[in-house]
């Protein structure tokens, strides 16, 4: 795997921006999300920071993956290619997986819409940031 095209500053900013989006998203939709998962705030308030650490790590992996895929999918790194890659990955893999899993779990559609909407936001924000910063180098053909 060629990491030479990865703009690591863009990846760091994209990770931070998408994590911040999660704070805003789930604070705004906290009542609906708690109802959708069937828990109270006290049941999910972990005293350790493990869920937050995992969130940053998985979003870092997503940002690195986008930074690698965008130039290979579109030949260029731009806001448009970042948005298109983010949307295509969300539509093709993220929302389809959430729908499938949530239907087997019997989860309410509200959970799918809240979590799926957030993941769309994550990939679009990361695509925009990576697109704005551009690539670290020209990818090999």
N, C-alpha and C. Protein backbone atom coordinates (compact mmCIF):
# COMPACT_ATOMS: atom_id res chain seq x y z
N UNK A 1 0.84 -1.17 0.00
CA UNK A 1 0.00 0.00 0.00
C UNK A 1 0.89 1.24 0.00
N UNK A 2 0.56 2.17 -0.86
CA UNK A 2 1.35 3.38 -1.04
C UNK A 2 0.77 4.52 -0.20
N UNK A 3 1.52 4.95 0.79
CA UNK A 3 1.08 6.05 1.65
C UNK A 3 1.67 7.38 1.22
N UNK A 4 2.41 7.41 0.11
CA UNK A 4 3.08 8.65 -0.30
C UNK A 4 2.10 9.75 -0.69
N UNK A 5 0.90 9.40 -1.13
CA UNK A 5 -0.07 10.40 -1.52
C UNK A 5 -0.88 10.94 -0.34
N UNK A 6 -0.67 10.38 0.84
CA UNK A 6 -1.44 10.80 2.01
C UNK A 6 -0.91 12.12 2.55
N UNK A 7 -1.79 13.08 2.68
CA UNK A 7 -1.46 14.34 3.33
C UNK A 7 -1.84 14.16 4.80
N UNK A 8 -0.83 13.94 5.64
CA UNK A 8 -1.06 13.58 7.04
C UNK A 8 -1.67 14.73 7.84
N UNK A 9 -1.40 15.95 7.45
CA UNK A 9 -2.05 17.09 8.12
C UNK A 9 -3.54 17.07 7.82
N UNK A 10 -3.89 16.81 6.56
CA UNK A 10 -5.30 16.70 6.18
C UNK A 10 -5.99 15.58 6.94
N UNK A 11 -5.31 14.45 7.09
CA UNK A 11 -5.87 13.32 7.82
C UNK A 11 -6.12 13.70 9.28
N UNK A 12 -5.17 14.37 9.90
CA UNK A 12 -5.34 14.78 11.30
C UNK A 12 -6.50 15.76 11.45
N UNK A 13 -6.56 16.75 10.57
CA UNK A 13 -7.65 17.74 10.64
C UNK A 13 -9.00 17.07 10.35
N UNK A 14 -9.04 16.17 9.38
CA UNK A 14 -10.28 15.46 9.05
C UNK A 14 -10.76 14.61 10.23
N UNK A 15 -9.82 13.98 10.92
CA UNK A 15 -10.17 13.16 12.09
C UNK A 15 -10.75 14.03 13.19
N UNK A 16 -10.10 15.13 13.48
CA UNK A 16 -10.58 16.04 14.53
C UNK A 16 -11.94 16.63 14.16
N UNK A 17 -12.09 17.05 12.90
CA UNK A 17 -13.34 17.67 12.46
C UNK A 17 -14.50 16.67 12.54
N UNK A 18 -14.27 15.44 12.12
CA UNK A 18 -15.36 14.46 12.15
C UNK A 18 -15.69 14.03 13.58
N UNK A 19 -14.69 13.99 14.45
CA UNK A 19 -14.95 13.70 15.86
C UNK A 19 -15.78 14.82 16.49
N UNK A 20 -15.43 16.07 16.16
CA UNK A 20 -16.19 17.22 16.67
C UNK A 20 -17.63 17.18 16.15
N UNK A 21 -17.81 16.77 14.90
CA UNK A 21 -19.16 16.63 14.35
C UNK A 21 -19.97 15.66 15.21
N UNK A 22 -19.35 14.58 15.63
CA UNK A 22 -20.03 13.59 16.47
C UNK A 22 -20.50 14.19 17.79
N UNK A 23 -19.68 15.04 18.39
CA UNK A 23 -20.08 15.68 19.64
C UNK A 23 -21.33 16.53 19.42
N UNK A 24 -21.33 17.32 18.36
CA UNK A 24 -22.47 18.18 18.06
C UNK A 24 -23.69 17.34 17.69
N UNK A 25 -23.50 16.37 16.79
CA UNK A 25 -24.59 15.54 16.28
C UNK A 25 -25.31 14.81 17.41
N UNK A 26 -24.55 14.11 18.24
CA UNK A 26 -25.18 13.30 19.28
C UNK A 26 -25.65 14.12 20.47
N UNK A 27 -25.09 15.30 20.69
CA UNK A 27 -25.66 16.18 21.72
C UNK A 27 -27.00 16.71 21.25
N UNK A 28 -27.09 17.07 19.97
CA UNK A 28 -28.34 17.59 19.43
C UNK A 28 -29.43 16.52 19.37
N UNK A 29 -29.03 15.28 19.13
CA UNK A 29 -30.00 14.19 18.98
C UNK A 29 -29.95 13.18 20.14
N UNK A 30 -29.45 13.62 21.28
CA UNK A 30 -29.22 12.68 22.39
C UNK A 30 -30.51 12.01 22.88
N UNK A 31 -31.59 12.76 23.01
CA UNK A 31 -32.84 12.15 23.49
C UNK A 31 -33.36 11.11 22.51
N UNK A 32 -33.35 11.46 21.24
CA UNK A 32 -33.83 10.53 20.22
C UNK A 32 -32.93 9.30 20.12
N UNK A 33 -31.61 9.51 20.20
CA UNK A 33 -30.67 8.40 20.11
C UNK A 33 -30.81 7.47 21.31
N UNK A 34 -30.92 8.03 22.51
CA UNK A 34 -31.08 7.20 23.71
C UNK A 34 -32.36 6.37 23.61
N UNK A 35 -33.44 6.99 23.14
CA UNK A 35 -34.69 6.24 22.97
C UNK A 35 -34.51 5.13 21.92
N UNK A 36 -33.78 5.42 20.86
CA UNK A 36 -33.58 4.44 19.79
C UNK A 36 -32.73 3.26 20.23
N UNK A 37 -31.78 3.49 21.15
CA UNK A 37 -30.96 2.37 21.62
C UNK A 37 -31.54 1.72 22.88
N UNK A 38 -32.58 2.35 23.44
CA UNK A 38 -33.25 1.77 24.60
C UNK A 38 -32.45 1.84 25.88
N UNK A 39 -31.68 2.92 26.05
CA UNK A 39 -30.88 3.09 27.26
C UNK A 39 -31.06 4.49 27.82
N UNK A 40 -30.65 4.64 29.07
CA UNK A 40 -30.64 5.96 29.69
C UNK A 40 -29.23 6.52 29.62
N UNK A 41 -29.12 7.81 29.87
CA UNK A 41 -27.81 8.45 29.88
C UNK A 41 -26.89 7.80 30.92
N UNK A 42 -27.45 7.46 32.08
CA UNK A 42 -26.64 6.83 33.12
C UNK A 42 -26.12 5.45 32.71
N UNK A 43 -26.87 4.75 31.89
CA UNK A 43 -26.43 3.42 31.45
C UNK A 43 -25.27 3.48 30.45
N UNK A 44 -25.11 4.59 29.76
CA UNK A 44 -24.03 4.66 28.77
C UNK A 44 -22.88 5.57 29.18
N UNK A 45 -23.05 6.36 30.22
CA UNK A 45 -21.97 7.25 30.65
C UNK A 45 -20.86 6.43 31.30
N UNK A 46 -19.88 6.15 30.50
CA UNK A 46 -18.74 5.39 30.96
C UNK A 46 -17.77 6.32 31.69
N UNK A 47 -17.22 5.85 32.76
CA UNK A 47 -16.25 6.67 33.52
C UNK A 47 -14.91 6.73 32.82
N UNK A 48 -14.62 5.74 31.99
CA UNK A 48 -13.36 5.78 31.25
C UNK A 48 -13.61 6.40 29.87
N UNK A 49 -12.56 6.73 29.21
CA UNK A 49 -12.68 7.37 27.90
C UNK A 49 -12.60 6.41 26.74
N UNK A 50 -12.75 5.11 27.01
CA UNK A 50 -12.58 4.10 25.97
C UNK A 50 -13.43 4.35 24.72
N UNK A 51 -14.73 4.64 24.84
CA UNK A 51 -15.51 4.87 23.62
C UNK A 51 -14.98 6.05 22.79
N UNK A 52 -14.49 7.07 23.46
CA UNK A 52 -13.95 8.23 22.75
C UNK A 52 -12.63 7.90 22.05
N UNK A 53 -11.81 7.12 22.71
CA UNK A 53 -10.55 6.69 22.11
C UNK A 53 -10.83 5.85 20.86
N UNK A 54 -11.76 4.91 20.97
CA UNK A 54 -12.13 4.10 19.81
C UNK A 54 -12.68 4.96 18.68
N UNK A 55 -13.50 5.95 19.03
CA UNK A 55 -14.06 6.84 18.01
C UNK A 55 -12.97 7.56 17.23
N UNK A 56 -11.99 8.10 17.95
CA UNK A 56 -10.90 8.80 17.27
C UNK A 56 -10.10 7.83 16.41
N UNK A 57 -9.81 6.65 16.94
CA UNK A 57 -9.02 5.68 16.17
C UNK A 57 -9.73 5.23 14.90
N UNK A 58 -11.02 4.92 14.98
CA UNK A 58 -11.71 4.45 13.77
C UNK A 58 -11.89 5.59 12.77
N UNK A 59 -12.06 6.80 13.26
CA UNK A 59 -12.18 7.92 12.33
C UNK A 59 -10.83 8.25 11.69
N UNK A 60 -9.75 8.01 12.40
CA UNK A 60 -8.42 8.15 11.82
C UNK A 60 -8.24 7.14 10.69
N UNK A 61 -8.65 5.90 10.92
CA UNK A 61 -8.56 4.87 9.87
C UNK A 61 -9.41 5.27 8.66
N UNK A 62 -10.60 5.80 8.91
CA UNK A 62 -11.45 6.24 7.81
C UNK A 62 -10.80 7.36 7.02
N UNK A 63 -10.21 8.32 7.71
CA UNK A 63 -9.56 9.46 7.03
C UNK A 63 -8.36 8.99 6.20
N UNK A 64 -7.56 8.11 6.76
CA UNK A 64 -6.41 7.57 6.00
C UNK A 64 -6.92 6.81 4.78
N UNK A 65 -7.94 6.00 4.96
CA UNK A 65 -8.50 5.24 3.84
C UNK A 65 -9.02 6.16 2.75
N UNK A 66 -9.74 7.21 3.13
CA UNK A 66 -10.22 8.18 2.14
C UNK A 66 -9.06 8.85 1.43
N UNK A 67 -8.04 9.24 2.18
CA UNK A 67 -6.89 9.91 1.57
C UNK A 67 -6.19 9.02 0.56
N UNK A 68 -6.20 7.72 0.79
CA UNK A 68 -5.60 6.78 -0.15
C UNK A 68 -6.52 6.54 -1.35
N UNK A 69 -7.82 6.42 -1.09
CA UNK A 69 -8.76 6.06 -2.15
C UNK A 69 -9.13 7.20 -3.09
N UNK A 70 -9.24 8.41 -2.58
CA UNK A 70 -9.73 9.52 -3.42
C UNK A 70 -8.91 9.68 -4.70
N UNK A 71 -7.58 9.79 -4.62
CA UNK A 71 -6.85 9.97 -5.88
C UNK A 71 -6.92 8.75 -6.80
N UNK A 72 -7.08 7.58 -6.22
CA UNK A 72 -7.17 6.37 -7.04
C UNK A 72 -8.55 6.23 -7.69
N UNK A 73 -9.56 6.73 -7.03
CA UNK A 73 -10.92 6.66 -7.58
C UNK A 73 -11.16 7.73 -8.65
N UNK A 74 -10.58 8.92 -8.43
CA UNK A 74 -10.90 10.06 -9.28
C UNK A 74 -9.71 10.67 -10.02
N UNK A 75 -8.51 10.24 -9.66
CA UNK A 75 -7.33 10.77 -10.33
C UNK A 75 -6.86 12.09 -9.79
N UNK A 76 -7.62 12.69 -8.91
CA UNK A 76 -7.28 13.98 -8.33
C UNK A 76 -7.88 14.08 -6.93
N UNK A 77 -7.29 14.94 -6.12
CA UNK A 77 -7.81 15.19 -4.78
C UNK A 77 -8.36 16.61 -4.76
N UNK A 78 -9.66 16.72 -4.67
CA UNK A 78 -10.34 18.01 -4.63
C UNK A 78 -11.54 17.89 -3.71
N UNK A 79 -12.17 19.01 -3.42
CA UNK A 79 -13.38 18.96 -2.59
C UNK A 79 -14.44 18.10 -3.27
N UNK A 80 -14.60 18.28 -4.57
CA UNK A 80 -15.60 17.50 -5.30
C UNK A 80 -15.30 16.00 -5.24
N UNK A 81 -14.05 15.62 -5.49
CA UNK A 81 -13.72 14.20 -5.45
C UNK A 81 -13.83 13.65 -4.03
N UNK A 82 -13.50 14.48 -3.03
CA UNK A 82 -13.65 14.06 -1.64
C UNK A 82 -15.10 13.83 -1.26
N UNK A 83 -15.98 14.75 -1.70
CA UNK A 83 -17.41 14.59 -1.44
C UNK A 83 -17.97 13.36 -2.14
N UNK A 84 -17.59 13.18 -3.40
CA UNK A 84 -18.09 12.03 -4.15
C UNK A 84 -17.62 10.71 -3.54
N UNK A 85 -16.36 10.64 -3.16
CA UNK A 85 -15.84 9.41 -2.55
C UNK A 85 -16.55 9.15 -1.22
N UNK A 86 -16.68 10.18 -0.40
CA UNK A 86 -17.36 10.02 0.88
C UNK A 86 -18.79 9.53 0.71
N UNK A 87 -19.51 10.15 -0.23
CA UNK A 87 -20.90 9.75 -0.45
C UNK A 87 -20.98 8.33 -0.99
N UNK A 88 -20.14 8.01 -1.97
CA UNK A 88 -20.19 6.67 -2.56
C UNK A 88 -19.86 5.58 -1.54
N UNK A 89 -18.88 5.83 -0.69
CA UNK A 89 -18.53 4.84 0.33
C UNK A 89 -19.66 4.70 1.35
N UNK A 90 -20.26 5.83 1.73
CA UNK A 90 -21.39 5.79 2.67
C UNK A 90 -22.56 5.02 2.05
N UNK A 91 -22.92 5.38 0.83
CA UNK A 91 -24.08 4.77 0.18
C UNK A 91 -23.85 3.30 -0.12
N UNK A 92 -22.66 2.96 -0.56
CA UNK A 92 -22.37 1.59 -0.95
C UNK A 92 -22.08 0.64 0.20
N UNK A 93 -21.55 1.17 1.31
CA UNK A 93 -21.11 0.28 2.38
C UNK A 93 -21.68 0.61 3.76
N UNK A 94 -21.67 1.87 4.14
CA UNK A 94 -22.05 2.23 5.51
C UNK A 94 -23.55 2.10 5.74
N UNK A 95 -24.35 2.83 4.96
CA UNK A 95 -25.80 2.81 5.22
C UNK A 95 -26.39 1.45 4.91
N UNK A 96 -25.85 0.76 3.91
CA UNK A 96 -26.37 -0.57 3.60
C UNK A 96 -26.09 -1.55 4.74
N UNK A 97 -24.90 -1.44 5.33
CA UNK A 97 -24.55 -2.30 6.46
C UNK A 97 -25.41 -1.97 7.68
N UNK A 98 -25.60 -0.69 7.94
CA UNK A 98 -26.45 -0.30 9.09
C UNK A 98 -27.88 -0.80 8.90
N UNK A 99 -28.43 -0.62 7.70
CA UNK A 99 -29.80 -1.08 7.46
C UNK A 99 -29.89 -2.59 7.67
N UNK A 100 -28.97 -3.32 7.10
CA UNK A 100 -28.99 -4.79 7.25
C UNK A 100 -28.89 -5.19 8.71
N UNK A 101 -27.89 -4.68 9.41
CA UNK A 101 -27.69 -5.06 10.81
C UNK A 101 -28.85 -4.63 11.69
N UNK A 102 -29.33 -3.41 11.51
CA UNK A 102 -30.41 -2.92 12.35
C UNK A 102 -31.72 -3.66 12.10
N UNK A 103 -31.94 -4.12 10.88
CA UNK A 103 -33.16 -4.88 10.62
C UNK A 103 -33.11 -6.23 11.33
N UNK A 104 -31.96 -6.89 11.32
CA UNK A 104 -31.83 -8.15 12.05
C UNK A 104 -31.95 -7.94 13.56
N UNK A 105 -31.42 -6.82 14.04
CA UNK A 105 -31.49 -6.52 15.47
C UNK A 105 -32.87 -6.06 15.91
N UNK A 106 -33.71 -5.69 14.96
CA UNK A 106 -35.02 -5.14 15.30
C UNK A 106 -34.92 -3.73 15.84
N UNK A 107 -33.83 -3.05 15.51
CA UNK A 107 -33.64 -1.67 15.98
C UNK A 107 -34.62 -0.74 15.28
N UNK A 108 -35.04 0.31 15.96
CA UNK A 108 -35.95 1.25 15.29
C UNK A 108 -35.24 1.98 14.16
N UNK A 109 -36.03 2.38 13.16
CA UNK A 109 -35.47 3.12 12.03
C UNK A 109 -34.81 4.41 12.49
N UNK A 110 -35.28 4.97 13.58
CA UNK A 110 -34.68 6.22 14.10
C UNK A 110 -33.20 6.01 14.37
N UNK A 111 -32.84 4.86 14.90
CA UNK A 111 -31.42 4.57 15.17
C UNK A 111 -30.63 4.53 13.87
N UNK A 112 -31.19 3.91 12.84
CA UNK A 112 -30.51 3.84 11.55
C UNK A 112 -30.34 5.24 10.96
N UNK A 113 -31.37 6.06 11.04
CA UNK A 113 -31.28 7.42 10.50
C UNK A 113 -30.28 8.28 11.28
N UNK A 114 -30.28 8.16 12.61
CA UNK A 114 -29.36 8.97 13.42
C UNK A 114 -27.91 8.53 13.18
N UNK A 115 -27.65 7.24 13.32
CA UNK A 115 -26.28 6.74 13.14
C UNK A 115 -25.83 6.85 11.68
N UNK A 116 -26.73 6.54 10.75
CA UNK A 116 -26.39 6.63 9.33
C UNK A 116 -26.15 8.07 8.90
N UNK A 117 -26.96 8.99 9.41
CA UNK A 117 -26.77 10.40 9.10
C UNK A 117 -25.44 10.91 9.62
N UNK A 118 -25.09 10.47 10.81
CA UNK A 118 -23.79 10.86 11.37
C UNK A 118 -22.64 10.34 10.52
N UNK A 119 -22.72 9.08 10.12
CA UNK A 119 -21.63 8.51 9.31
C UNK A 119 -21.54 9.19 7.95
N UNK A 120 -22.68 9.60 7.39
CA UNK A 120 -22.64 10.38 6.16
C UNK A 120 -21.90 11.69 6.40
N UNK A 121 -22.24 12.34 7.50
CA UNK A 121 -21.55 13.59 7.86
C UNK A 121 -20.06 13.39 8.04
N UNK A 122 -19.67 12.31 8.70
CA UNK A 122 -18.25 12.01 8.91
C UNK A 122 -17.52 11.91 7.57
N UNK A 123 -18.05 11.11 6.67
CA UNK A 123 -17.37 10.89 5.39
C UNK A 123 -17.38 12.14 4.52
N UNK A 124 -18.44 12.93 4.57
CA UNK A 124 -18.46 14.16 3.80
C UNK A 124 -17.50 15.20 4.36
N UNK A 125 -17.48 15.35 5.69
CA UNK A 125 -16.55 16.29 6.32
C UNK A 125 -15.11 15.87 6.03
N UNK A 126 -14.83 14.60 6.19
CA UNK A 126 -13.47 14.13 5.92
C UNK A 126 -13.11 14.33 4.44
N UNK A 127 -14.05 14.05 3.55
CA UNK A 127 -13.80 14.25 2.12
C UNK A 127 -13.53 15.71 1.79
N UNK A 128 -14.29 16.61 2.40
CA UNK A 128 -14.08 18.05 2.19
C UNK A 128 -12.70 18.47 2.67
N UNK A 129 -12.36 18.07 3.89
CA UNK A 129 -11.06 18.47 4.47
C UNK A 129 -9.91 17.92 3.63
N UNK A 130 -9.97 16.65 3.30
CA UNK A 130 -8.90 16.04 2.50
C UNK A 130 -8.83 16.72 1.13
N UNK A 131 -10.00 17.01 0.55
CA UNK A 131 -10.03 17.70 -0.73
C UNK A 131 -9.45 19.09 -0.66
N UNK A 132 -9.73 19.82 0.41
CA UNK A 132 -9.18 21.16 0.57
C UNK A 132 -7.66 21.17 0.70
N UNK A 133 -7.14 20.19 1.44
CA UNK A 133 -5.71 20.12 1.67
C UNK A 133 -4.95 19.54 0.47
N UNK A 134 -5.61 18.69 -0.30
CA UNK A 134 -4.94 18.04 -1.42
C UNK A 134 -4.09 16.87 -0.96
N UNK A 135 -3.44 16.24 -1.92
CA UNK A 135 -2.64 15.05 -1.61
C UNK A 135 -1.23 15.45 -1.17
N UNK A 136 -0.55 14.48 -0.56
CA UNK A 136 0.82 14.69 -0.14
C UNK A 136 1.80 14.55 -1.27
N UNK A 137 1.43 13.79 -2.29
CA UNK A 137 2.28 13.56 -3.47
C UNK A 137 1.41 13.02 -4.59
N UNK A 138 1.95 12.94 -5.76
CA UNK A 138 1.22 12.37 -6.87
C UNK A 138 1.24 10.87 -6.75
N UNK A 139 0.05 10.22 -6.77
CA UNK A 139 0.02 8.75 -6.61
C UNK A 139 0.63 8.07 -7.84
N UNK A 140 1.22 6.92 -7.56
CA UNK A 140 1.79 6.11 -8.64
C UNK A 140 0.66 5.52 -9.48
N UNK A 141 0.91 5.37 -10.75
CA UNK A 141 -0.12 4.82 -11.65
C UNK A 141 -0.28 3.35 -11.45
